[in-house]
Amino acid sequence: MSSAPEHPVGIDELLERVREDLDRVEPAEAHDAARAGEALLVDIRYAALRDRDGLIPGALVVERNELEWRLDPQGSHRLPEATGHDLRVVVICNEGYASSLAAASLRQLGLHRATDLVGGFQAWRAAGLPVAP
């Protein structure tokens, strides 16, 4: 029988813990890495935000609830872009919170280079990087 932890972890502490293992990237670095073919940008924002704010050209759109299924290189539902465990994935959410948790989940699947974008899509846009309607 499983027992509850003595000290439950709150979301702020969990976020801090998972970010210790991530080599989080700033928008300009993510842009350069994607352009050089060194990183796959993955937008996990929900449709209403993508419709409202636009898309990052070249980013793969994968709904958050499908992320692990689509990017697991060994998974039966993987996308063609899920080429292997060495793939550098930069997860992008709206403001850079959910993406940290998502990147940590991808790391548990063996995608050891998975990380996320500091500040999310909003930071990308604020940096003046390309956005498509």
N, C-alpha and C. Protein backbone atom coordinates (compact mmCIF):
# COMPACT_ATOMS: atom_id res chain seq x y z
N MET A 1 0.84 -1.18 0.00
CA MET A 1 0.00 0.00 0.00
C MET A 1 0.89 1.24 0.00
N SER A 2 0.62 2.14 -0.89
CA SER A 2 1.41 3.37 -1.03
C SER A 2 0.94 4.42 -0.03
N SER A 3 1.90 5.10 0.55
CA SER A 3 1.53 6.16 1.49
C SER A 3 1.87 7.52 0.89
N ALA A 4 1.19 8.53 1.37
CA ALA A 4 1.41 9.89 0.89
C ALA A 4 2.76 10.38 1.40
N PRO A 5 3.44 11.24 0.62
CA PRO A 5 4.71 11.80 1.08
C PRO A 5 4.51 12.63 2.33
N GLU A 6 5.54 12.66 3.18
CA GLU A 6 5.45 13.43 4.42
C GLU A 6 5.27 14.92 4.14
N HIS A 7 5.95 15.40 3.11
CA HIS A 7 5.88 16.82 2.76
C HIS A 7 5.46 16.93 1.30
N PRO A 8 4.17 17.16 1.05
CA PRO A 8 3.74 17.29 -0.35
C PRO A 8 4.46 18.46 -1.03
N VAL A 9 4.79 18.27 -2.28
CA VAL A 9 5.48 19.30 -3.06
C VAL A 9 4.44 20.17 -3.74
N GLY A 10 4.51 21.48 -3.55
CA GLY A 10 3.64 22.41 -4.25
C GLY A 10 4.16 22.65 -5.66
N ILE A 11 3.34 23.27 -6.49
CA ILE A 11 3.71 23.48 -7.89
C ILE A 11 4.95 24.37 -8.02
N ASP A 12 5.10 25.38 -7.18
CA ASP A 12 6.27 26.26 -7.28
C ASP A 12 7.55 25.48 -7.00
N GLU A 13 7.51 24.61 -6.00
CA GLU A 13 8.69 23.81 -5.67
C GLU A 13 8.96 22.78 -6.76
N LEU A 14 7.91 22.16 -7.28
CA LEU A 14 8.07 21.20 -8.36
C LEU A 14 8.70 21.87 -9.58
N LEU A 15 8.22 23.05 -9.93
CA LEU A 15 8.75 23.79 -11.07
C LEU A 15 10.23 24.09 -10.86
N GLU A 16 10.58 24.52 -9.67
CA GLU A 16 11.98 24.81 -9.34
C GLU A 16 12.84 23.55 -9.49
N ARG A 17 12.33 22.44 -9.01
CA ARG A 17 13.08 21.18 -9.10
C ARG A 17 13.31 20.73 -10.53
N VAL A 18 12.26 20.75 -11.34
CA VAL A 18 12.43 20.27 -12.71
C VAL A 18 13.32 21.20 -13.52
N ARG A 19 13.27 22.48 -13.23
CA ARG A 19 14.11 23.43 -13.97
C ARG A 19 15.60 23.28 -13.65
N GLU A 20 15.91 22.69 -12.50
CA GLU A 20 17.32 22.46 -12.16
C GLU A 20 17.98 21.53 -13.18
N ASP A 21 17.19 20.65 -13.79
CA ASP A 21 17.73 19.68 -14.74
C ASP A 21 17.61 20.13 -16.19
N LEU A 22 16.98 21.27 -16.43
CA LEU A 22 16.78 21.74 -17.79
C LEU A 22 17.80 22.81 -18.15
N ASP A 23 18.32 22.72 -19.35
CA ASP A 23 19.18 23.78 -19.89
C ASP A 23 18.25 24.69 -20.71
N ARG A 24 17.48 25.50 -19.98
CA ARG A 24 16.45 26.33 -20.61
C ARG A 24 17.09 27.33 -21.59
N VAL A 25 16.37 27.63 -22.66
CA VAL A 25 16.92 28.50 -23.68
C VAL A 25 16.11 29.79 -23.81
N GLU A 26 16.81 30.85 -24.14
CA GLU A 26 16.20 32.15 -24.41
C GLU A 26 15.70 32.15 -25.86
N PRO A 27 14.76 33.05 -26.17
CA PRO A 27 14.18 33.06 -27.52
C PRO A 27 15.19 33.15 -28.66
N ALA A 28 16.17 34.03 -28.59
CA ALA A 28 17.13 34.16 -29.69
C ALA A 28 17.93 32.88 -29.90
N GLU A 29 18.30 32.23 -28.81
CA GLU A 29 19.05 30.97 -28.91
C GLU A 29 18.18 29.88 -29.55
N ALA A 30 16.92 29.80 -29.15
CA ALA A 30 16.01 28.82 -29.72
C ALA A 30 15.82 29.07 -31.22
N HIS A 31 15.66 30.32 -31.58
CA HIS A 31 15.48 30.69 -32.99
C HIS A 31 16.69 30.27 -33.80
N ASP A 32 17.89 30.59 -33.31
CA ASP A 32 19.12 30.24 -34.03
C ASP A 32 19.29 28.73 -34.14
N ALA A 33 19.01 28.00 -33.06
CA ALA A 33 19.16 26.54 -33.07
C ALA A 33 18.18 25.90 -34.05
N ALA A 34 16.96 26.40 -34.10
CA ALA A 34 15.97 25.86 -35.03
C ALA A 34 16.37 26.14 -36.47
N ARG A 35 16.83 27.36 -36.73
CA ARG A 35 17.25 27.72 -38.09
C ARG A 35 18.43 26.89 -38.57
N ALA A 36 19.32 26.52 -37.63
CA ALA A 36 20.49 25.73 -37.96
C ALA A 36 20.18 24.23 -38.01
N GLY A 37 18.93 23.86 -37.74
CA GLY A 37 18.56 22.46 -37.74
C GLY A 37 19.05 21.71 -36.51
N GLU A 38 19.38 22.45 -35.45
CA GLU A 38 19.93 21.85 -34.23
C GLU A 38 18.89 21.64 -33.14
N ALA A 39 17.66 22.09 -33.37
CA ALA A 39 16.61 21.93 -32.37
C ALA A 39 15.26 21.88 -33.06
N LEU A 40 14.37 21.12 -32.46
CA LEU A 40 12.98 21.06 -32.91
C LEU A 40 12.15 21.87 -31.94
N LEU A 41 11.52 22.94 -32.43
CA LEU A 41 10.63 23.75 -31.60
C LEU A 41 9.25 23.09 -31.60
N VAL A 42 8.70 22.91 -30.41
CA VAL A 42 7.40 22.25 -30.28
C VAL A 42 6.47 23.15 -29.48
N ASP A 43 5.44 23.63 -30.14
CA ASP A 43 4.46 24.54 -29.56
C ASP A 43 3.32 23.73 -28.95
N ILE A 44 3.18 23.80 -27.62
CA ILE A 44 2.13 23.04 -26.94
C ILE A 44 0.94 23.91 -26.52
N ARG A 45 0.93 25.17 -26.96
CA ARG A 45 -0.20 26.04 -26.59
C ARG A 45 -1.50 25.50 -27.16
N TYR A 46 -2.59 25.76 -26.47
CA TYR A 46 -3.87 25.29 -26.99
C TYR A 46 -4.34 26.19 -28.13
N ALA A 47 -5.27 25.66 -28.90
CA ALA A 47 -5.69 26.28 -30.16
C ALA A 47 -6.13 27.73 -30.02
N ALA A 48 -6.84 28.06 -28.95
CA ALA A 48 -7.33 29.44 -28.79
C ALA A 48 -6.17 30.43 -28.70
N LEU A 49 -5.11 30.06 -28.04
CA LEU A 49 -3.94 30.94 -27.95
C LEU A 49 -3.21 31.04 -29.29
N ARG A 50 -3.10 29.91 -30.00
CA ARG A 50 -2.47 29.95 -31.32
C ARG A 50 -3.29 30.80 -32.27
N ASP A 51 -4.61 30.67 -32.21
CA ASP A 51 -5.48 31.47 -33.07
C ASP A 51 -5.37 32.95 -32.73
N ARG A 52 -5.29 33.27 -31.46
CA ARG A 52 -5.22 34.67 -31.01
C ARG A 52 -3.87 35.31 -31.34
N ASP A 53 -2.78 34.59 -31.05
CA ASP A 53 -1.45 35.20 -31.09
C ASP A 53 -0.60 34.81 -32.29
N GLY A 54 -0.96 33.76 -32.99
CA GLY A 54 -0.18 33.33 -34.14
C GLY A 54 0.73 32.16 -33.81
N LEU A 55 1.54 31.80 -34.81
CA LEU A 55 2.41 30.63 -34.73
C LEU A 55 3.86 31.02 -34.95
N ILE A 56 4.75 30.21 -34.42
CA ILE A 56 6.17 30.36 -34.71
C ILE A 56 6.44 29.56 -35.99
N PRO A 57 6.89 30.23 -37.05
CA PRO A 57 7.13 29.51 -38.30
C PRO A 57 8.12 28.35 -38.09
N GLY A 58 7.75 27.19 -38.59
CA GLY A 58 8.60 26.02 -38.49
C GLY A 58 8.42 25.21 -37.22
N ALA A 59 7.71 25.74 -36.25
CA ALA A 59 7.49 24.99 -35.00
C ALA A 59 6.46 23.89 -35.25
N LEU A 60 6.68 22.78 -34.62
CA LEU A 60 5.75 21.67 -34.68
C LEU A 60 4.67 21.91 -33.62
N VAL A 61 3.42 21.88 -34.02
CA VAL A 61 2.33 22.08 -33.08
C VAL A 61 1.86 20.71 -32.58
N VAL A 62 1.97 20.51 -31.27
CA VAL A 62 1.53 19.27 -30.64
C VAL A 62 0.78 19.66 -29.37
N GLU A 63 -0.48 19.32 -29.31
CA GLU A 63 -1.25 19.64 -28.10
C GLU A 63 -0.58 19.00 -26.89
N ARG A 64 -0.63 19.67 -25.76
CA ARG A 64 0.05 19.19 -24.55
C ARG A 64 -0.37 17.76 -24.19
N ASN A 65 -1.65 17.44 -24.33
CA ASN A 65 -2.10 16.12 -23.93
C ASN A 65 -1.65 15.01 -24.88
N GLU A 66 -1.03 15.36 -26.00
CA GLU A 66 -0.52 14.37 -26.95
C GLU A 66 1.01 14.35 -27.00
N LEU A 67 1.65 15.24 -26.28
CA LEU A 67 3.09 15.46 -26.43
C LEU A 67 3.91 14.19 -26.29
N GLU A 68 3.76 13.47 -25.20
CA GLU A 68 4.57 12.27 -24.97
C GLU A 68 4.29 11.20 -26.03
N TRP A 69 3.04 11.07 -26.41
CA TRP A 69 2.68 10.07 -27.43
C TRP A 69 3.33 10.39 -28.76
N ARG A 70 3.39 11.66 -29.11
CA ARG A 70 3.89 12.07 -30.42
C ARG A 70 5.42 12.16 -30.51
N LEU A 71 6.09 12.39 -29.37
CA LEU A 71 7.54 12.59 -29.44
C LEU A 71 8.37 11.42 -28.90
N ASP A 72 7.73 10.40 -28.36
CA ASP A 72 8.47 9.22 -27.91
C ASP A 72 9.01 8.49 -29.13
N PRO A 73 10.35 8.46 -29.31
CA PRO A 73 10.92 7.81 -30.49
C PRO A 73 10.55 6.33 -30.61
N GLN A 74 10.16 5.71 -29.50
CA GLN A 74 9.79 4.30 -29.52
C GLN A 74 8.28 4.10 -29.58
N GLY A 75 7.53 5.18 -29.56
CA GLY A 75 6.08 5.09 -29.47
C GLY A 75 5.41 4.74 -30.79
N SER A 76 4.29 4.06 -30.69
CA SER A 76 3.55 3.66 -31.88
C SER A 76 2.81 4.84 -32.51
N HIS A 77 2.63 5.95 -31.78
CA HIS A 77 1.92 7.12 -32.29
C HIS A 77 2.85 8.30 -32.55
N ARG A 78 4.14 8.03 -32.65
CA ARG A 78 5.13 9.10 -32.80
C ARG A 78 4.99 9.79 -34.16
N LEU A 79 5.41 11.05 -34.16
CA LEU A 79 5.48 11.83 -35.40
C LEU A 79 6.80 11.53 -36.10
N PRO A 80 6.88 11.76 -37.41
CA PRO A 80 8.12 11.53 -38.15
C PRO A 80 9.30 12.33 -37.58
N GLU A 81 9.01 13.47 -36.95
CA GLU A 81 10.07 14.31 -36.39
C GLU A 81 10.72 13.68 -35.15
N ALA A 82 10.06 12.71 -34.54
CA ALA A 82 10.58 12.04 -33.34
C ALA A 82 11.61 11.00 -33.76
N THR A 83 12.79 11.49 -34.12
CA THR A 83 13.80 10.65 -34.77
C THR A 83 14.69 9.87 -33.81
N GLY A 84 14.76 10.26 -32.55
CA GLY A 84 15.62 9.54 -31.63
C GLY A 84 15.74 10.26 -30.31
N HIS A 85 16.36 9.58 -29.36
CA HIS A 85 16.48 10.14 -28.00
C HIS A 85 17.47 11.29 -27.90
N ASP A 86 18.30 11.49 -28.92
CA ASP A 86 19.26 12.60 -28.91
C ASP A 86 18.67 13.89 -29.47
N LEU A 87 17.44 13.83 -29.93
CA LEU A 87 16.78 15.00 -30.50
C LEU A 87 16.71 16.13 -29.46
N ARG A 88 17.14 17.33 -29.86
CA ARG A 88 17.01 18.49 -28.98
C ARG A 88 15.65 19.11 -29.23
N VAL A 89 14.77 18.96 -28.24
CA VAL A 89 13.42 19.49 -28.32
C VAL A 89 13.33 20.71 -27.42
N VAL A 90 12.80 21.81 -27.97
CA VAL A 90 12.53 23.00 -27.16
C VAL A 90 11.02 23.17 -27.12
N VAL A 91 10.46 22.90 -25.93
CA VAL A 91 9.01 22.98 -25.75
C VAL A 91 8.62 24.43 -25.47
N ILE A 92 7.55 24.87 -26.12
CA ILE A 92 7.09 26.25 -26.00
C ILE A 92 5.62 26.26 -25.58
N CYS A 93 5.36 26.91 -24.45
CA CYS A 93 3.97 27.14 -24.03
C CYS A 93 3.74 28.65 -24.14
N ASN A 94 2.75 29.17 -23.47
CA ASN A 94 2.46 30.59 -23.60
C ASN A 94 3.45 31.48 -22.86
N GLU A 95 3.77 31.12 -21.61
CA GLU A 95 4.64 31.98 -20.80
C GLU A 95 5.83 31.27 -20.17
N GLY A 96 6.03 29.99 -20.48
CA GLY A 96 7.21 29.29 -20.00
C GLY A 96 7.07 28.56 -18.68
N TYR A 97 5.87 28.19 -18.31
CA TYR A 97 5.66 27.42 -17.08
C TYR A 97 5.31 25.97 -17.40
N ALA A 98 4.21 25.76 -18.10
CA ALA A 98 3.80 24.40 -18.46
C ALA A 98 4.86 23.71 -19.31
N SER A 99 5.60 24.49 -20.08
CA SER A 99 6.64 23.90 -20.94
C SER A 99 7.76 23.27 -20.12
N SER A 100 8.07 23.81 -18.96
CA SER A 100 9.11 23.21 -18.11
C SER A 100 8.67 21.82 -17.66
N LEU A 101 7.43 21.71 -17.23
CA LEU A 101 6.91 20.41 -16.79
C LEU A 101 6.84 19.43 -17.96
N ALA A 102 6.46 19.93 -19.13
CA ALA A 102 6.39 19.08 -20.32
C ALA A 102 7.77 18.59 -20.72
N ALA A 103 8.76 19.46 -20.68
CA ALA A 103 10.13 19.06 -21.02
C ALA A 103 10.64 18.00 -20.04
N ALA A 104 10.33 18.16 -18.77
CA ALA A 104 10.73 17.17 -17.76
C ALA A 104 10.08 15.82 -18.07
N SER A 105 8.85 15.84 -18.51
CA SER A 105 8.17 14.60 -18.87
C SER A 105 8.84 13.93 -20.07
N LEU A 106 9.24 14.72 -21.06
CA LEU A 106 9.95 14.17 -22.22
C LEU A 106 11.29 13.56 -21.80
N ARG A 107 11.95 14.19 -20.85
CA ARG A 107 13.21 13.64 -20.35
C ARG A 107 13.00 12.27 -19.71
N GLN A 108 11.86 12.08 -19.06
CA GLN A 108 11.56 10.78 -18.46
C GLN A 108 11.38 9.71 -19.53
N LEU A 109 11.06 10.11 -20.75
CA LEU A 109 10.95 9.18 -21.88
C LEU A 109 12.30 8.94 -22.56
N GLY A 110 13.35 9.56 -22.03
CA GLY A 110 14.68 9.36 -22.59
C GLY A 110 15.14 10.45 -23.53
N LEU A 111 14.33 11.47 -23.76
CA LEU A 111 14.74 12.59 -24.61
C LEU A 111 15.59 13.53 -23.73
N HIS A 112 16.84 13.13 -23.53
CA HIS A 112 17.69 13.77 -22.52
C HIS A 112 18.08 15.21 -22.86
N ARG A 113 17.84 15.65 -24.07
CA ARG A 113 18.16 17.03 -24.45
C ARG A 113 16.93 17.92 -24.48
N ALA A 114 15.79 17.39 -24.07
CA ALA A 114 14.55 18.19 -24.06
C ALA A 114 14.68 19.33 -23.05
N THR A 115 14.19 20.48 -23.45
CA THR A 115 14.20 21.66 -22.59
C THR A 115 13.01 22.53 -22.97
N ASP A 116 13.01 23.76 -22.46
CA ASP A 116 11.91 24.65 -22.81
C ASP A 116 12.39 26.07 -23.01
N LEU A 117 11.48 26.89 -23.51
CA LEU A 117 11.77 28.28 -23.84
C LEU A 117 11.44 29.18 -22.66
N VAL A 118 12.44 29.90 -22.18
CA VAL A 118 12.24 30.85 -21.09
C VAL A 118 11.23 31.91 -21.55
N GLY A 119 10.15 32.06 -20.80
CA GLY A 119 9.15 33.08 -21.13
C GLY A 119 8.13 32.67 -22.18
N GLY A 120 8.32 31.50 -22.78
CA GLY A 120 7.36 30.96 -23.74
C GLY A 120 7.15 31.82 -24.97
N PHE A 121 6.01 31.60 -25.61
CA PHE A 121 5.68 32.31 -26.84
C PHE A 121 5.69 33.82 -26.64
N GLN A 122 5.21 34.27 -25.48
CA GLN A 122 5.14 35.71 -25.24
C GLN A 122 6.54 36.34 -25.27
N ALA A 123 7.54 35.65 -24.74
CA ALA A 123 8.91 36.16 -24.79
C ALA A 123 9.45 36.12 -26.21
N TRP A 124 9.10 35.09 -26.96
CA TRP A 124 9.50 34.98 -28.38
C TRP A 124 8.99 36.20 -29.14
N ARG A 125 7.70 36.47 -28.97
CA ARG A 125 7.09 37.60 -29.67
C ARG A 125 7.69 38.92 -29.22
N ALA A 126 7.89 39.08 -27.91
CA ALA A 126 8.46 40.33 -27.36
C ALA A 126 9.89 40.55 -27.87
N ALA A 127 10.58 39.47 -28.20
CA ALA A 127 11.95 39.59 -28.72
C ALA A 127 11.96 39.97 -30.20
N GLY A 128 10.77 40.09 -30.80
CA GLY A 128 10.68 40.48 -32.21
C GLY A 128 10.99 39.37 -33.17
N LEU A 129 10.92 38.12 -32.72
CA LEU A 129 11.21 36.97 -33.58
C LEU A 129 9.98 36.67 -34.45
N PRO A 130 10.16 35.94 -35.53
CA PRO A 130 9.07 35.72 -36.48
C PRO A 130 7.84 35.06 -35.88
N VAL A 131 6.69 35.59 -36.25
CA VAL A 131 5.39 35.02 -35.89
C VAL A 131 4.51 35.07 -37.13
N ALA A 132 3.87 33.96 -37.42
CA ALA A 132 2.95 33.89 -38.54
C ALA A 132 1.52 33.94 -38.01
N PRO A 133 0.61 34.58 -38.76
CA PRO A 133 -0.79 34.65 -38.31
C PRO A 133 -1.45 33.28 -38.26
